[in-house]
Protein backbone atom coordinates (compact mmCIF):
# COMPACT_ATOMS: atom_id res chain seq x y z
CA MET A 1 -17.97 96.37 -0.08
CA LYS A 2 -20.37 95.34 2.62
CA ASN A 3 -18.84 93.21 5.39
CA LEU A 4 -20.54 89.75 5.27
CA ILE A 5 -18.82 88.37 8.38
CA PRO A 6 -21.32 88.22 11.28
CA LYS A 7 -20.37 90.20 14.34
CA SER A 8 -22.12 87.98 16.87
CA PRO A 9 -19.91 85.13 18.21
CA PHE A 10 -22.86 82.74 18.02
CA SER A 11 -23.56 83.69 14.38
CA ARG A 12 -19.89 83.26 13.48
CA LEU A 13 -19.94 79.80 15.11
CA LEU A 14 -23.06 78.85 13.17
CA VAL A 15 -21.53 79.94 9.85
CA HIS A 16 -18.35 78.01 10.65
CA ALA A 17 -20.39 74.86 11.38
CA CYS A 18 -22.34 75.16 8.13
CA LEU A 19 -19.15 75.64 6.09
CA THR A 20 -17.57 72.61 7.77
CA LEU A 21 -20.60 70.40 7.05
CA SER A 22 -20.67 71.57 3.42
CA PHE A 23 -16.98 70.78 3.02
CA LEU A 24 -17.39 67.30 4.54
CA SER A 25 -20.37 66.60 2.29
CA LEU A 26 -18.33 67.65 -0.76
CA VAL A 27 -15.46 65.36 0.26
CA GLU A 28 -17.92 62.48 0.74
CA ASP A 29 -19.48 63.07 -2.67
CA VAL A 30 -16.09 63.15 -4.38
CA ASP A 31 -15.04 59.96 -2.61
CA ALA A 32 -18.32 58.27 -3.54
CA GLN A 33 -17.80 59.19 -7.18
CA ARG A 34 -14.26 57.83 -7.03
CA ARG A 35 -15.61 54.52 -5.69
CA GLY A 36 -18.34 54.31 -8.33
CA GLY A 37 -21.31 56.02 -6.73
CA ARG A 38 -22.91 56.69 -3.38
CA CYS A 39 -23.93 53.15 -2.56
CA GLY A 40 -26.05 53.97 0.45
CA SER A 41 -28.52 56.20 -1.39
CA GLY A 42 -27.84 55.82 -5.08
CA GLY A 43 -27.36 59.57 -5.37
CA GLU A 44 -30.19 62.07 -5.64
CA PRO A 45 -33.70 60.59 -5.84
CA GLY A 46 -34.57 59.97 -9.47
CA LYS A 47 -30.99 60.30 -10.73
CA ARG A 48 -30.30 57.54 -13.24
CA ILE A 49 -27.44 55.13 -12.63
CA GLU A 50 -26.69 52.89 -15.58
CA PRO A 51 -26.13 49.16 -14.85
CA LYS A 52 -22.46 49.40 -15.87
CA ASP A 53 -21.95 52.23 -13.35
CA LEU A 54 -23.44 50.42 -10.35
CA CYS A 55 -21.27 49.99 -7.27
CA PHE A 56 -21.36 46.41 -5.95
CA ASP A 57 -23.32 47.42 -2.84
CA LEU A 58 -26.21 48.24 -5.17
CA GLY A 59 -25.76 45.55 -7.80
CA VAL A 60 -24.09 44.63 -11.08
CA ALA A 61 -24.78 44.58 -14.80
CA THR A 62 -23.53 41.02 -15.32
CA ILE A 63 -23.06 37.85 -13.25
CA PRO A 64 -20.13 35.99 -14.83
CA ASP A 65 -20.03 32.88 -12.65
CA GLN A 66 -21.47 30.95 -9.70
CA ALA A 67 -19.18 32.72 -7.22
CA ALA A 68 -20.54 36.12 -8.29
CA PHE A 69 -24.10 34.83 -7.97
CA GLU A 70 -23.39 33.66 -4.42
CA ARG A 71 -21.93 37.05 -3.46
CA LEU A 72 -25.09 38.80 -4.68
CA SER A 73 -27.63 36.27 -3.44
CA TYR A 74 -29.65 36.15 -0.24
CA ARG A 75 -30.83 33.02 1.57
CA GLY A 76 -32.86 33.25 4.75
CA PRO A 77 -36.24 34.13 6.27
CA ASP A 78 -36.23 37.90 5.59
CA VAL A 79 -38.16 37.85 2.30
CA MET A 80 -41.00 40.24 3.22
CA ARG A 81 -44.02 39.48 1.00
CA ASP A 82 -42.21 36.85 -1.09
CA SER A 83 -42.81 34.00 1.34
CA TYR A 84 -42.22 31.38 -1.36
CA LEU A 85 -38.55 32.48 -1.45
CA ALA A 86 -37.91 31.83 2.25
CA ASP A 87 -34.64 29.93 2.78
CA LEU A 88 -33.98 29.70 -0.96
CA GLU A 89 -30.91 31.25 -2.57
CA PHE A 90 -31.98 34.01 -4.97
CA VAL A 91 -30.95 37.21 -6.75
CA LYS A 92 -33.53 39.77 -7.80
CA PHE A 93 -33.37 41.65 -11.09
CA ILE A 94 -35.06 44.46 -13.03
CA ILE A 95 -35.22 44.75 -16.82
CA GLU A 96 -36.21 47.89 -18.72
CA GLY A 97 -36.97 47.87 -22.44
CA ILE A 98 -36.72 44.11 -22.91
CA GLY A 99 -35.44 43.28 -26.40
CA GLU A 100 -34.98 46.94 -27.34
CA PRO A 101 -31.67 48.62 -28.31
CA GLY A 102 -31.59 50.55 -25.03
CA GLU A 103 -32.40 47.53 -22.83
CA ARG A 104 -31.13 47.77 -19.24
CA VAL A 105 -30.64 44.80 -16.90
CA TYR A 106 -30.05 45.47 -13.20
CA CYS A 107 -28.90 42.49 -11.10
CA MET A 108 -29.56 43.61 -7.54
CA ASN A 109 -27.23 42.97 -4.63
CA THR A 110 -29.97 41.05 -2.88
CA ASN A 111 -28.03 40.77 0.35
CA ASN A 112 -28.50 44.52 0.69
CA HIS A 113 -31.72 45.13 -1.26
CA ARG A 114 -34.55 42.57 -1.20
CA ALA A 115 -37.43 44.82 -2.25
CA HIS A 116 -37.72 46.01 -5.85
CA PRO A 117 -39.73 49.17 -4.96
CA ARG A 118 -37.06 50.33 -2.49
CA PHE A 119 -34.21 49.62 -4.90
CA MET A 120 -35.69 51.30 -7.96
CA PRO A 121 -35.48 54.97 -6.78
CA LEU A 122 -31.85 54.39 -5.77
CA VAL A 123 -30.89 53.87 -9.41
CA GLY A 124 -33.41 56.26 -10.95
CA ILE A 125 -36.07 53.80 -12.14
CA ASP A 126 -39.69 54.92 -11.98
CA ARG A 127 -41.59 52.45 -9.79
CA GLN A 128 -44.27 52.20 -12.46
CA ASN A 129 -41.76 50.89 -15.00
CA GLY A 130 -39.47 47.92 -15.27
CA LEU A 131 -39.98 44.18 -15.28
CA ARG A 132 -39.28 42.74 -11.81
CA GLY A 133 -38.21 39.19 -11.09
CA ALA A 134 -35.98 36.80 -9.19
CA ILE A 135 -33.45 34.11 -10.15
CA THR A 136 -33.48 31.20 -7.69
CA TYR A 137 -30.92 28.40 -7.43
CA TYR A 138 -31.82 24.79 -6.54
CA PRO A 139 -28.54 22.88 -6.08
CA LEU A 140 -30.17 19.43 -5.84
CA MET A 141 -32.41 19.69 -8.88
CA THR A 142 -31.43 18.53 -12.36
CA ALA A 143 -30.99 21.22 -15.00
CA PRO A 144 -32.38 20.92 -18.56
CA ASP A 145 -28.89 19.99 -19.82
CA GLY A 146 -28.75 17.07 -17.36
CA SER A 147 -26.25 18.65 -14.96
CA GLU A 148 -26.87 19.17 -11.25
CA GLY A 149 -28.15 22.56 -10.16
CA LEU A 150 -31.16 24.39 -11.59
CA PHE A 151 -31.86 28.14 -11.88
CA THR A 152 -35.47 29.32 -12.14
CA ILE A 153 -36.88 32.74 -12.95
CA ASP A 154 -40.18 34.10 -11.71
CA PHE A 155 -41.93 37.44 -11.43
CA GLN A 156 -44.44 39.28 -9.30
CA PRO A 157 -47.23 36.89 -8.18
CA ASN A 158 -49.92 38.69 -10.19
CA ASP A 159 -47.82 39.34 -13.30
CA SER A 160 -48.52 37.38 -16.46
CA TYR A 161 -46.24 37.09 -19.50
CA ARG A 162 -46.74 35.35 -22.84
CA PHE A 163 -44.32 32.70 -24.10
CA GLU A 164 -42.69 35.17 -26.50
CA GLU A 165 -41.96 37.56 -23.63
CA ILE A 166 -40.57 34.80 -21.38
CA ALA A 167 -38.32 33.58 -24.21
CA ALA A 168 -36.97 37.13 -24.69
CA ILE A 169 -36.36 37.48 -20.94
CA VAL A 170 -34.50 34.15 -20.77
CA LYS A 171 -32.34 35.22 -23.73
CA SER A 172 -31.57 38.58 -22.13
CA LEU A 173 -30.72 37.14 -18.70
CA THR A 174 -28.55 34.38 -20.17
CA ALA A 175 -26.55 37.01 -22.05
CA LYS A 176 -25.89 38.81 -18.75
CA MET A 177 -25.40 35.60 -16.74
CA PRO A 178 -23.68 32.92 -18.87
CA ILE A 179 -24.02 30.22 -16.20
CA LEU A 180 -27.76 30.12 -16.95
CA ALA A 181 -27.13 28.48 -20.33
CA GLY A 182 -28.69 25.02 -20.26
CA LYS A 183 -29.60 25.39 -16.58
CA ILE A 184 -32.58 27.78 -16.56
CA ALA A 185 -36.32 27.16 -16.24
CA PHE A 186 -39.37 29.40 -16.03
CA HIS A 187 -41.30 29.18 -12.75
CA PRO A 188 -44.81 30.60 -13.28
CA LEU A 189 -46.48 31.94 -10.14
CA SER A 190 -50.24 32.03 -9.62
CA GLY A 191 -50.93 34.98 -11.92
CA ASN A 192 -49.02 33.45 -14.82
CA ILE A 193 -50.42 29.90 -14.67
CA PRO A 194 -53.45 30.55 -16.97
CA GLN A 195 -51.24 32.09 -19.67
CA TYR A 196 -48.71 29.29 -19.32
CA GLU A 197 -51.47 26.71 -19.86
CA LYS A 198 -52.42 28.51 -23.10
CA ASP A 199 -48.80 28.59 -24.27
CA LYS A 200 -47.78 25.13 -23.05
CA GLU A 201 -47.25 23.71 -26.55
CA LYS A 202 -45.00 26.63 -27.44
CA TYR A 203 -42.78 25.95 -24.44
CA GLU A 204 -42.55 22.27 -25.37
CA ALA A 205 -41.77 23.04 -29.03
CA ALA A 206 -39.05 25.51 -28.03
CA LYS A 207 -37.73 23.14 -25.33
CA LEU A 208 -37.95 25.97 -22.81
CA THR A 209 -38.19 24.18 -19.46
CA VAL A 210 -40.98 25.11 -17.06
CA HIS A 211 -40.64 24.43 -13.33
CA LEU A 212 -43.93 24.15 -11.44
CA ASP A 213 -44.36 24.13 -7.66
CA GLU A 214 -45.10 20.41 -7.62
CA ASP A 215 -41.80 19.69 -9.39
CA LEU A 216 -39.94 20.80 -6.26
CA ARG A 217 -41.58 17.94 -4.33
CA GLU A 218 -39.50 15.50 -6.37
CA VAL A 219 -36.40 16.51 -4.40
CA PHE A 220 -37.72 18.25 -1.28
CA LEU A 221 -40.75 17.63 0.92
CA PRO A 222 -41.12 19.52 4.21
CA LEU A 223 -42.88 17.16 6.61
CA ASN A 224 -42.59 19.23 9.79
CA PRO A 225 -41.39 22.84 9.43
CA ALA A 226 -39.39 23.88 12.49
CA GLU A 227 -35.91 24.93 13.60
CA SER A 228 -33.37 23.28 15.90
CA PHE A 229 -29.69 22.90 16.72
CA GLY A 230 -27.62 19.74 17.06
CA ARG A 231 -24.71 17.67 15.79
CA LEU A 232 -25.17 16.60 12.17
CA ARG A 233 -24.70 12.82 11.74
CA ILE A 234 -25.29 10.14 9.10
CA MET A 235 -27.13 7.25 10.75
CA GLY A 236 -27.42 3.57 9.93
CA ASN A 237 -30.80 1.95 10.60
CA ASP A 238 -29.53 0.04 13.64
CA ALA A 239 -27.68 2.97 15.21
CA ARG A 240 -29.07 4.72 18.27
CA PRO A 241 -28.72 8.51 17.97
CA SER A 242 -28.41 11.05 20.76
CA PRO A 243 -31.22 13.52 21.52
CA ARG A 244 -28.74 16.19 20.45
CA ASP A 245 -28.20 14.68 16.99
CA ILE A 246 -29.61 16.00 13.74
CA VAL A 247 -29.74 12.76 11.78
CA ILE A 248 -29.53 11.92 8.09
CA TYR A 249 -31.10 8.57 7.16
CA LYS A 250 -30.61 7.01 3.72
CA THR A 251 -33.55 4.69 4.45
CA LEU A 252 -36.33 5.01 7.00
CA PRO A 253 -35.35 3.59 10.41
CA ASN A 254 -37.43 0.90 12.10
CA GLN A 255 -37.63 2.96 15.30
CA MET A 256 -37.45 6.70 15.80
CA PRO A 257 -35.95 7.77 19.15
CA ARG A 258 -35.84 11.37 20.25
CA VAL A 259 -33.42 13.47 18.15
CA ALA A 260 -32.91 17.16 17.40
CA GLY A 261 -33.87 16.97 13.72
CA VAL A 262 -34.43 14.53 10.83
CA ILE A 263 -33.44 14.42 7.18
CA THR A 264 -34.26 11.38 5.03
CA GLU A 265 -33.10 10.64 1.48
CA VAL A 266 -36.24 8.58 0.87
CA ARG A 267 -39.80 9.85 0.84
CA GLN A 268 -41.90 9.92 3.97
CA THR A 269 -45.60 10.47 4.45
CA PRO A 270 -47.16 12.84 6.99
CA LEU A 271 -48.38 9.79 8.95
CA SER A 272 -45.07 7.91 8.92
CA HIS A 273 -43.67 6.98 12.35
CA VAL A 274 -40.69 9.23 11.63
CA ASN A 275 -42.84 12.30 11.06
CA LEU A 276 -45.27 11.56 13.89
CA ARG A 277 -42.30 11.55 16.27
CA ALA A 278 -40.99 14.79 14.73
CA VAL A 279 -44.38 16.45 15.23
CA GLN A 280 -44.55 15.17 18.79
CA ASP A 281 -41.09 16.53 19.61
CA ASN A 282 -41.54 19.72 17.54
CA ILE A 283 -38.36 19.20 15.52
CA PRO A 284 -37.67 19.85 11.81
CA ASN A 285 -38.19 16.91 9.46
CA ALA A 286 -37.85 16.76 5.68
CA PHE A 287 -37.28 14.47 2.73
CA ILE A 288 -34.30 15.87 0.79
CA LYS A 289 -33.25 13.77 -2.20
CA GLY A 290 -29.48 13.51 -2.59
CA VAL A 291 -28.85 15.79 0.37
CA LEU A 292 -25.29 14.52 0.80
CA LYS A 293 -24.49 15.79 -2.70
CA ASP A 294 -25.00 19.30 -1.33
CA ASP A 295 -21.48 20.37 -0.35
CA LEU A 296 -22.90 22.83 2.15
CA VAL A 297 -24.42 19.88 4.03
CA SER A 298 -21.84 17.12 3.55
CA GLY A 299 -19.09 19.46 4.68
CA LEU A 300 -20.80 19.84 8.06
CA ILE A 301 -21.07 16.16 9.04
CA GLY A 302 -19.96 15.86 12.68
CA GLU A 303 -20.36 19.59 13.31
CA TRP A 304 -22.83 21.52 15.45
CA VAL A 305 -25.37 23.06 13.09
CA ARG A 306 -28.59 25.01 12.86
CA TYR A 307 -31.24 23.15 10.84
CA ARG A 308 -34.41 24.86 9.66
CA VAL A 309 -37.21 23.54 7.47
CA SER A 310 -39.74 25.94 5.95
CA SER A 311 -42.58 25.32 3.52
CA SER A 312 -40.35 25.94 0.51
CA ALA A 313 -36.73 25.20 1.51
CA TYR A 314 -34.27 24.08 4.14
CA ILE A 315 -31.10 25.47 5.69
CA VAL A 316 -28.24 23.57 7.33
CA GLU A 317 -25.45 25.85 8.52
CA LYS A 318 -22.71 25.82 11.10
CA ALA A 319 -23.77 27.04 14.54
CA THR A 320 -21.80 28.66 17.34
CA MET A 321 -21.57 27.00 20.74
CA GLU A 322 -23.44 29.97 22.22
CA GLU A 323 -26.37 29.29 19.86
CA VAL A 324 -26.36 25.57 20.64
CA GLU A 325 -26.17 26.10 24.40
CA GLY A 326 -28.96 28.67 24.25
CA TYR A 327 -31.21 26.32 22.29
CA PHE A 328 -30.86 23.36 24.67
CA ALA A 329 -31.11 25.62 27.73
CA GLN A 330 -34.59 26.58 26.51
CA ASP A 331 -35.62 22.92 26.05
CA PRO A 332 -35.56 21.07 29.38
CA ALA A 333 -37.08 17.99 27.74
CA GLN A 334 -34.00 17.65 25.57
CA ASP A 335 -31.77 17.87 28.64
CA ARG A 336 -33.72 15.14 30.49
CA ALA A 337 -33.75 12.91 27.41
CA SER A 338 -30.02 13.41 26.89
CA ALA A 339 -29.22 12.52 30.50
CA LYS A 340 -31.11 9.21 30.19
CA ALA A 341 -29.74 8.33 26.76
CA LYS A 342 -27.24 5.51 26.30
CA PRO A 343 -24.25 5.28 23.94
CA SER A 344 -25.17 4.33 20.39
CA LYS A 345 -24.32 0.96 18.85
CA GLU A 346 -21.79 2.76 16.68
CA GLY A 347 -19.81 3.58 19.79
CA HIS A 348 -20.47 7.32 19.78
CA PRO A 349 -20.88 8.46 23.38
CA VAL A 350 -23.94 10.46 24.29
CA ILE A 351 -22.93 13.86 25.58
CA SER A 352 -24.17 14.69 29.05
CA ARG A 353 -25.13 18.27 29.87
CA ASN A 354 -21.87 18.85 31.78
CA GLU A 355 -19.77 17.40 28.97
CA PHE A 356 -21.74 19.46 26.45
CA LEU A 357 -21.07 22.67 28.35
CA GLY A 358 -17.38 21.80 28.71
CA PHE A 359 -17.31 21.07 32.46
């Protein structure tokens, strides 16, 4: 039998390296199978992964409750071409064979995968196939069943679906996500508006709720999109806030001193004195109906937060001291205003720069 072992030391080293890499790859593949699939790549390109076999890093077949939705959802500015989803909480999905015996529903882990075309090859879906959409959650909006919190579904901006198709999609998604029952609405984007207008009577007869862009303005109106940091406070009309405060007003104040950000629970107009001051100071300002009912906001009263207003949504989240310090260090005007500010009528002391930095 011919000797297959190379004589050259270099060749023997090369063979040893190749065998080692092959062994490690085999171990990795076995471990990935044990854990439910190779989450990073979805296996070989084009290899089908059924929804029930998805590892969580890729997605799931069903979303049983709100907690599962939150684990899968993404909320932030990184939405690529889907600018209307910026700062909204959403989960993307793909449906193949809607209404057919072999129907497949993929609920994407949108924290990890925000683009349908990039996700599809990972689970073996041809990019030319599959219905692509997103489920978005609006915590302050009223659902069709009268409860707080509304889910909407929408699709690619240029896609258009008839009423019968939308009804089948709603039925399919509700079966995979029971929390949608009584709380779901169809949100037609630009490409679907003409077909919706034709089918409007069918939606009304079936009591299938439709959520249009203008409906969002009933609970949220971005007056001055921007981002800032500050301490979140509820203010009375006669209180004097600090320039480092992000203030929540239940009614419009008579005067608007310099602050770090504004939220009002009553409507403003672009020419209101509140918004003119926000534009002048380049701070975020929005009307948010019932904002204190949002646990994510009310739980942060008195805390240092990051507040961002975009054209379609808002974010209030806890900030680190490093983030806060960095923000005010870049805004000398805020520092000068804070140094001149006086204590408020509520007795809250204004924080000087040294006190703010802990000196």
